[in-house]
PDB file of N, CA and C in Angstrom:
ATOM      1  N   MET A   1      -0.668-175.433-125.873  1.00  0.00           N
ATOM      2  CA  MET A   1      -2.212-175.991-124.737  1.00  0.00           C
ATOM      3  C   MET A   1      -2.189-176.243-123.525  1.00  0.00           C
ATOM      4  N   LYS A   2      -0.766-177.124-123.528  1.00  0.00           N
ATOM      5  CA  LYS A   2      -0.423-177.351-122.116  1.00  0.00           C
ATOM      6  C   LYS A   2       0.193-176.826-121.041  1.00  0.00           C
ATOM      7  N   GLY A   3       1.079-175.838-121.791  1.00  0.00           N
ATOM      8  CA  GLY A   3       1.696-174.754-121.014  1.00  0.00           C
ATOM      9  C   GLY A   3       0.358-173.704-120.341  1.00  0.00           C
ATOM     10  N   ALA A   4      -0.574-173.702-121.163  1.00  0.00           N
ATOM     11  CA  ALA A   4      -1.473-172.437-120.361  1.00  0.00           C
ATOM     12  C   ALA A   4      -2.055-173.110-119.181  1.00  0.00           C
ATOM     13  N   LEU A   5      -2.484-174.624-119.677  1.00  0.00           N
ATOM     14  CA  LEU A   5      -3.301-175.120-118.853  1.00  0.00           C
ATOM     15  C   LEU A   5      -2.257-175.653-117.548  1.00  0.00           C
ATOM     16  N   LEU A   6      -0.848-175.950-118.025  1.00  0.00           N
ATOM     17  CA  LEU A   6      -0.083-176.165-116.474  1.00  0.00           C
ATOM     18  C   LEU A   6       0.042-174.702-115.845  1.00  0.00           C
ATOM     19  N   ARG A   7       0.286-173.455-116.629  1.00  0.00           N
ATOM     20  CA  ARG A   7      -0.400-172.101-115.604  1.00  0.00           C
ATOM     21  C   ARG A   7      -1.226-171.789-114.907  1.00  0.00           C
ATOM     22  N   CYS A   8      -2.401-172.413-115.688  1.00  0.00           N
ATOM     23  CA  CYS A   8      -3.260-172.263-114.834  1.00  0.00           C
ATOM     24  C   CYS A   8      -3.236-173.114-113.485  1.00  0.00           C
ATOM     25  N   ALA A   9      -2.992-174.182-113.372  1.00  0.00           N
ATOM     26  CA  ALA A   9      -3.423-175.244-112.646  1.00  0.00           C
ATOM     27  C   ALA A   9      -1.765-174.752-111.381  1.00  0.00           C
ATOM     28  N   THR A  10      -0.732-174.072-111.955  1.00  0.00           N
ATOM     29  CA  THR A  10      -0.634-173.638-110.950  1.00  0.00           C
ATOM     30  C   THR A  10      -0.470-172.467-110.409  1.00  0.00           C
ATOM     31  N   GLY A  11      -1.432-171.545-110.951  1.00  0.00           N
ATOM     32  CA  GLY A  11      -1.603-170.223-110.496  1.00  0.00           C
ATOM     33  C   GLY A  11      -0.417-169.568-110.980  1.00  0.00           C
ATOM     34  N   LEU A  12      -0.921-167.961-111.053  1.00  0.00           N
ATOM     35  CA  LEU A  12      -0.275-167.024-112.104  1.00  0.00           C
ATOM     36  C   LEU A  12      -0.024-165.920-111.575  1.00  0.00           C
ATOM     37  N   SER A  13       0.715-165.138-111.998  1.00  0.00           N
ATOM     38  CA  SER A  13       0.949-163.160-111.752  1.00  0.00           C
ATOM     39  C   SER A  13       0.650-162.866-113.025  1.00  0.00           C
ATOM     40  N   ALA A  14      -0.061-161.681-113.230  1.00  0.00           N
ATOM     41  CA  ALA A  14      -0.443-161.143-114.074  1.00  0.00           C
ATOM     42  C   ALA A  14      -0.661-159.473-113.801  1.00  0.00           C
ATOM     43  N   SER A  15      -0.262-158.476-114.710  1.00  0.00           N
ATOM     44  CA  SER A  15       0.247-156.951-114.407  1.00  0.00           C
ATOM     45  C   SER A  15      -0.361-156.333-116.146  1.00  0.00           C
ATOM     46  N   GLU A  16      -1.136-154.749-115.876  1.00  0.00           N
ATOM     47  CA  GLU A  16      -2.012-154.642-116.907  1.00  0.00           C
ATOM     48  C   GLU A  16      -1.412-153.382-116.380  1.00  0.00           C
ATOM     49  N   THR A  17      -1.138-152.751-117.946  1.00  0.00           N
ATOM     50  CA  THR A  17      -0.512-151.136-117.540  1.00  0.00           C
ATOM     51  C   THR A  17      -1.302-150.233-118.561  1.00  0.00           C
ATOM     52  N   VAL A  18      -2.374-149.458-117.891  1.00  0.00           N
ATOM     53  CA  VAL A  18      -3.657-148.927-118.606  1.00  0.00           C
ATOM     54  C   VAL A  18      -2.579-147.158-118.399  1.00  0.00           C
ATOM     55  N   GLU A  19      -2.223-146.392-119.651  1.00  0.00           N
ATOM     56  CA  GLU A  19      -1.484-145.468-119.693  1.00  0.00           C
ATOM     57  C   GLU A  19      -3.026-144.346-120.527  1.00  0.00           C
ATOM     58  N   GLU A  20      -2.687-142.779-119.693  1.00  0.00           N
ATOM     59  CA  GLU A  20      -3.273-141.921-120.657  1.00  0.00           C
ATOM     60  C   GLU A  20      -2.486-140.383-120.840  1.00  0.00           C
ATOM     61  N   PHE A  21      -2.917-140.605-122.248  1.00  0.00           N
ATOM     62  CA  PHE A  21      -1.985-139.335-122.816  1.00  0.00           C
ATOM     63  C   PHE A  21      -2.998-138.312-123.406  1.00  0.00           C
ATOM     64  N   ALA A  22      -2.546-137.029-123.635  1.00  0.00           N
ATOM     65  CA  ALA A  22      -3.069-135.296-123.844  1.00  0.00           C
ATOM     66  C   ALA A  22      -2.005-134.381-125.268  1.00  0.00           C
ATOM     67  N   VAL A  23      -2.624-134.184-125.930  1.00  0.00           N
ATOM     68  CA  VAL A  23      -1.860-133.414-126.055  1.00  0.00           C
ATOM     69  C   VAL A  23      -1.781-131.911-125.347  1.00  0.00           C
ATOM     70  N   ASP A  24      -0.438-131.538-125.481  1.00  0.00           N
ATOM     71  CA  ASP A  24      -0.153-130.623-124.341  1.00  0.00           C
ATOM     72  C   ASP A  24      -0.305-128.901-125.690  1.00  0.00           C
ATOM     73  N   GLY A  25       0.504-127.866-125.030  1.00  0.00           N
ATOM     74  CA  GLY A  25       0.158-126.394-126.458  1.00  0.00           C
ATOM     75  C   GLY A  25       0.951-127.034-127.513  1.00  0.00           C
ATOM     76  N   ASP A  26       2.061-127.434-127.647  1.00  0.00           N
ATOM     77  CA  ASP A  26       2.845-128.132-128.386  1.00  0.00           C
ATOM     78  C   ASP A  26       2.381-128.766-129.712  1.00  0.00           C
ATOM     79  N   GLY A  27       0.892-129.575-129.526  1.00  0.00           N
ATOM     80  CA  GLY A  27       0.720-130.555-130.312  1.00  0.00           C
ATOM     81  C   GLY A  27       1.297-131.844-129.548  1.00  0.00           C
ATOM     82  N   GLU A  28       2.071-132.061-128.638  1.00  0.00           N
ATOM     83  CA  GLU A  28       2.861-133.432-128.720  1.00  0.00           C
ATOM     84  C   GLU A  28       1.610-133.835-127.405  1.00  0.00           C
ATOM     85  N   LEU A  29       1.619-135.547-127.953  1.00  0.00           N
ATOM     86  CA  LEU A  29       1.554-136.380-126.708  1.00  0.00           C
ATOM     87  C   LEU A  29       2.123-136.602-125.638  1.00  0.00           C
ATOM     88  N   LYS A  30       1.232-136.343-124.547  1.00  0.00           N
ATOM     89  CA  LYS A  30       2.268-136.136-122.958  1.00  0.00           C
ATOM     90  C   LYS A  30       1.372-137.298-122.473  1.00  0.00           C
ATOM     91  N   LEU A  31       2.712-138.256-121.502  1.00  0.00           N
ATOM     92  CA  LEU A  31       1.959-139.250-120.512  1.00  0.00           C
ATOM     93  C   LEU A  31       0.978-138.423-119.256  1.00  0.00           C
ATOM     94  N   VAL A  32      -0.041-138.525-119.133  1.00  0.00           N
ATOM     95  CA  VAL A  32      -0.694-137.866-117.952  1.00  0.00           C
ATOM     96  C   VAL A  32      -0.670-138.467-116.739  1.00  0.00           C
ATOM     97  N   LYS A  33      -0.708-139.619-117.186  1.00  0.00           N
ATOM     98  CA  LYS A  33      -1.573-140.866-115.914  1.00  0.00           C
ATOM     99  C   LYS A  33      -0.855-142.188-116.146  1.00  0.00           C
ATOM    100  N   LYS A  34      -0.230-142.871-115.515  1.00  0.00           N
ATOM    101  CA  LYS A  34      -0.310-144.675-115.637  1.00  0.00           C
ATOM    102  C   LYS A  34      -0.525-145.361-114.572  1.00  0.00           C
ATOM    103  N   ARG A  35      -1.030-146.431-114.771  1.00  0.00           N
ATOM    104  CA  ARG A  35      -1.370-147.102-113.532  1.00  0.00           C
ATOM    105  C   ARG A  35      -1.154-148.743-114.004  1.00  0.00           C
ATOM    106  N   VAL A  36      -0.518-148.741-112.936  1.00  0.00           N
ATOM    107  CA  VAL A  36       0.314-150.435-113.343  1.00  0.00           C
ATOM    108  C   VAL A  36      -0.744-151.375-112.027  1.00  0.00           C
ATOM    109  N   THR A  37      -1.323-152.510-112.791  1.00  0.00           N
ATOM    110  CA  THR A  37      -1.699-152.841-111.665  1.00  0.00           C
ATOM    111  C   THR A  37      -1.521-154.437-111.765  1.00  0.00           C
ATOM    112  N   LYS A  38      -1.342-155.294-110.682  1.00  0.00           N
ATOM    113  CA  LYS A  38      -0.710-156.600-110.371  1.00  0.00           C
ATOM    114  C   LYS A  38      -1.688-157.307-109.454  1.00  0.00           C
ATOM    115  N   ARG A  39      -2.271-158.446-110.647  1.00  0.00           N
ATOM    116  CA  ARG A  39      -2.561-159.262-109.020  1.00  0.00           C
ATOM    117  C   ARG A  39      -1.747-161.027-109.270  1.00  0.00           C
ATOM    118  N   GLU A  40      -2.413-161.311-108.332  1.00  0.00           N
ATOM    119  CA  GLU A  40      -2.299-162.467-108.319  1.00  0.00           C
ATOM    120  C   GLU A  40      -3.379-163.949-109.119  1.00  0.00           C
ATOM    121  N   ILE A  41      -3.500-164.601-109.420  1.00  0.00           N
ATOM    122  CA  ILE A  41      -4.320-165.491-110.254  1.00  0.00           C
ATOM    123  C   ILE A  41      -4.115-166.792-109.102  1.00  0.00           C
ATOM    124  N   PRO A  42      -4.703-167.539-108.492  1.00  0.00           N
ATOM    125  CA  PRO A  42      -4.461-168.966-107.639  1.00  0.00           C
ATOM    126  C   PRO A  42      -4.888-169.859-108.671  1.00  0.00           C
ATOM    127  N   PRO A  43      -4.400-170.929-107.895  1.00  0.00           N
ATOM    128  CA  PRO A  43      -4.477-172.451-109.030  1.00  0.00           C
ATOM    129  C   PRO A  43      -5.581-172.620-109.413  1.00  0.00           C
ATOM    130  N   ASP A  44      -6.450-173.089-110.638  1.00  0.00           N
ATOM    131  CA  ASP A  44      -7.373-173.249-110.313  1.00  0.00           C
ATOM    132  C   ASP A  44      -7.334-175.019-110.477  1.00  0.00           C
ATOM    133  N   ILE A  45      -8.493-175.105-109.907  1.00  0.00           N
ATOM    134  CA  ILE A  45      -8.617-176.721-109.040  1.00  0.00           C
ATOM    135  C   ILE A  45      -8.611-177.696-110.598  1.00  0.00           C
ATOM    136  N   LYS A  46      -9.872-176.847-111.954  1.00  0.00           N
ATOM    137  CA  LYS A  46     -10.126-177.570-112.584  1.00  0.00           C
ATOM    138  C   LYS A  46      -9.358-178.203-113.845  1.00  0.00           C
ATOM    139  N   ALA A  47      -8.080-177.399-114.058  1.00  0.00           N
ATOM    140  CA  ALA A  47      -6.860-177.014-114.107  1.00  0.00           C
ATOM    141  C   ALA A  47      -6.169-178.681-113.791  1.00  0.00           C
ATOM    142  N   VAL A  48      -5.670-178.641-112.481  1.00  0.00           N
ATOM    143  CA  VAL A  48      -5.658-179.684-111.618  1.00  0.00           C
ATOM    144  C   VAL A  48      -5.940-181.026-112.157  1.00  0.00           C
ATOM    145  N   LYS A  49      -6.895-181.064-112.050  1.00  0.00           N
ATOM    146  CA  LYS A  49      -7.772-182.500-112.681  1.00  0.00           C
ATOM    147  C   LYS A  49      -7.843-182.682-113.942  1.00  0.00           C
ATOM    148  N   LEU A  50      -7.851-181.734-115.101  1.00  0.00           N
ATOM    149  CA  LEU A  50      -7.066-182.382-115.876  1.00  0.00           C
ATOM    150  C   LEU A  50      -5.739-182.679-116.190  1.00  0.00           C
ATOM    151  N   LEU A  51      -4.986-182.261-116.055  1.00  0.00           N
ATOM    152  CA  LEU A  51      -4.037-182.287-116.170  1.00  0.00           C
ATOM    153  C   LEU A  51      -3.656-183.655-115.482  1.00  0.00           C
ATOM    154  N   MET A  52      -4.393-184.308-114.060  1.00  0.00           N
ATOM    155  CA  MET A  52      -3.307-185.556-114.061  1.00  0.00           C
ATOM    156  C   MET A  52      -4.306-186.411-114.435  1.00  0.00           C
ATOM    157  N   GLU A  53      -5.684-186.202-115.229  1.00  0.00           N
ATOM    158  CA  GLU A  53      -6.699-187.260-115.993  1.00  0.00           C
ATOM    159  C   GLU A  53      -5.658-187.173-117.732  1.00  0.00           C
ATOM    160  N   GLU A  54      -5.291-186.206-117.721  1.00  0.00           N
ATOM    161  CA  GLU A  54      -4.242-186.808-118.900  1.00  0.00           C
ATOM    162  C   GLU A  54      -2.474-187.341-118.407  1.00  0.00           C
ATOM    163  N   GLY A  55      -2.308-187.490-117.156  1.00  0.00           N
ATOM    164  CA  GLY A  55      -1.131-188.053-116.771  1.00  0.00           C
ATOM    165  C   GLY A  55      -0.416-186.925-117.275  1.00  0.00           C
ATOM    166  N   GLY A  56      -0.407-185.366-116.746  1.00  0.00           N
ATOM    167  CA  GLY A  56       0.435-184.703-116.778  1.00  0.00           C
ATOM    168  C   GLY A  56       1.342-184.310-116.064  1.00  0.00           C
ATOM    169  N   GLU A  57       2.493-184.234-115.863  1.00  0.00           N
ATOM    170  CA  GLU A  57       2.794-184.593-114.150  1.00  0.00           C
ATOM    171  C   GLU A  57       3.806-183.436-114.532  1.00  0.00           C
ATOM    172  N   LEU A  58       4.333-182.964-113.388  1.00  0.00           N
ATOM    173  CA  LEU A  58       5.878-181.607-113.403  1.00  0.00           C
ATOM    174  C   LEU A  58       6.680-182.111-114.080  1.00  0.00           C
ATOM    175  N   SER A  59       7.752-181.633-114.441  1.00  0.00           N
ATOM    176  CA  SER A  59       9.208-181.873-114.286  1.00  0.00           C
ATOM    177  C   SER A  59       9.572-181.783-112.793  1.00  0.00           C
ATOM    178  N   ASP A  60      11.068-182.065-112.956  1.00  0.00           N
ATOM    179  CA  ASP A  60      11.749-181.634-111.233  1.00  0.00           C
ATOM    180  C   ASP A  60      11.789-180.068-111.799  1.00  0.00           C
ATOM    181  N   GLU A  61      12.204-179.468-112.907  1.00  0.00           N
ATOM    182  CA  GLU A  61      12.321-178.213-112.886  1.00  0.00           C
ATOM    183  C   GLU A  61      11.482-177.348-112.670  1.00  0.00           C
ATOM    184  N   GLN A  62      10.047-177.629-113.075  1.00  0.00           N
ATOM    185  CA  GLN A  62       8.739-177.156-113.319  1.00  0.00           C
ATOM    186  C   GLN A  62       8.160-177.241-111.364  1.00  0.00           C
ATOM    187  N   LEU A  63       8.644-178.449-110.648  1.00  0.00           N
ATOM    188  CA  LEU A  63       8.204-178.489-109.293  1.00  0.00           C
ATOM    189  C   LEU A  63       9.654-177.458-108.464  1.00  0.00           C
ATOM    190  N   GLU A  64      10.063-177.468-109.067  1.00  0.00           N
ATOM    191  CA  GLU A  64      11.682-176.332-108.248  1.00  0.00           C
ATOM    192  C   GLU A  64      10.647-174.607-108.658  1.00  0.00           C
ATOM    193  N   SER A  65      10.622-174.590-109.520  1.00  0.00           N
ATOM    194  CA  SER A  65       9.986-173.339-110.172  1.00  0.00           C
ATOM    195  C   SER A  65       8.893-173.149-109.523  1.00  0.00           C
ATOM    196  N   GLU A  66       8.308-173.877-109.544  1.00  0.00           N
ATOM    197  CA  GLU A  66       6.619-173.707-108.264  1.00  0.00           C
ATOM    198  C   GLU A  66       6.515-173.232-106.792  1.00  0.00           C
ATOM    199  N   ARG A  67       8.076-174.136-106.367  1.00  0.00           N
ATOM    200  CA  ARG A  67       8.758-174.121-104.790  1.00  0.00           C
ATOM    201  C   ARG A  67       9.071-172.979-104.800  1.00  0.00           C
ATOM    202  N   GLN A  68       9.670-172.171-105.256  1.00  0.00           N
ATOM    203  CA  GLN A  68      10.240-170.769-105.745  1.00  0.00           C
ATOM    204  C   GLN A  68      10.053-169.950-105.154  1.00  0.00           C
ATOM    205  N   ARG A  69       8.931-170.105-106.620  1.00  0.00           N
ATOM    206  CA  ARG A  69       7.615-168.996-106.618  1.00  0.00           C
ATOM    207  C   ARG A  69       6.704-168.808-105.261  1.00  0.00           C
ATOM    208  N   LEU A  70       6.312-170.408-104.832  1.00  0.00           N
ATOM    209  CA  LEU A  70       5.607-170.234-103.524  1.00  0.00           C
ATOM    210  C   LEU A  70       6.104-169.725-102.611  1.00  0.00           C
ATOM    211  N   LEU A  71       7.390-169.982-102.173  1.00  0.00           N
ATOM    212  CA  LEU A  71       8.116-169.333-101.013  1.00  0.00           C
ATOM    213  C   LEU A  71       8.544-167.416-101.452  1.00  0.00           C
ATOM    214  N   LYS A  72       8.489-167.199-102.148  1.00  0.00           N
ATOM    215  CA  LYS A  72       8.751-166.036-102.631  1.00  0.00           C
ATOM    216  C   LYS A  72       7.314-165.246-102.268  1.00  0.00           C
ATOM    217  N   LEU A  73       6.341-165.708-102.746  1.00  0.00           N
ATOM    218  CA  LEU A  73       5.163-165.371-102.056  1.00  0.00           C
ATOM    219  C   LEU A  73       4.733-165.340-101.062  1.00  0.00           C
ATOM    220  N   LEU A  74       5.105-166.310 -99.985  1.00  0.00           N
ATOM    221  CA  LEU A  74       4.783-166.471 -98.562  1.00  0.00           C
ATOM    222  C   LEU A  74       6.015-165.210 -98.443  1.00  0.00           C
ATOM    223  N   GLU A  75       7.223-164.987 -98.525  1.00  0.00           N
ATOM    224  CA  GLU A  75       7.771-164.055 -98.090  1.00  0.00           C
ATOM    225  C   GLU A  75       7.182-162.314 -98.002  1.00  0.00           C
ATOM    226  N   GLU A  76       6.770-162.314 -98.994  1.00  0.00           N
ATOM    227  CA  GLU A  76       6.028-160.810 -99.786  1.00  0.00           C
ATOM    228  C   GLU A  76       4.913-161.029 -98.663  1.00  0.00           C
ATOM    229  N   ASN A  77       4.264-161.707 -98.485  1.00  0.00           N
ATOM    230  CA  ASN A  77       3.132-161.639 -97.681  1.00  0.00           C
ATOM    231  C   ASN A  77       2.875-161.972 -96.363  1.00  0.00           C
ATOM    232  N   GLY A  78       3.854-162.382 -96.005  1.00  0.00           N
ATOM    233  CA  GLY A  78       4.465-162.649 -94.126  1.00  0.00           C
ATOM    234  C   GLY A  78       4.641-161.572 -93.451  1.00  0.00           C
TER     235      GLY A  78
END
């Protein structure tokens, strides 16, 4: 549970894939349409507060990982 709370507190990206199939003339299934949606979920302040109340601290590795993720986002959007 703490891992999920940490992901909510630091934000995350999620992708969803939707595939549509149809039966062709040979009775085989054929991929007709594929849509991949990617979205960024921003950090949740309530999760941050809850972690702070529990005394949860990020390790150096987690902080560096989050730093790299945020820098990458800035490069992509900047």
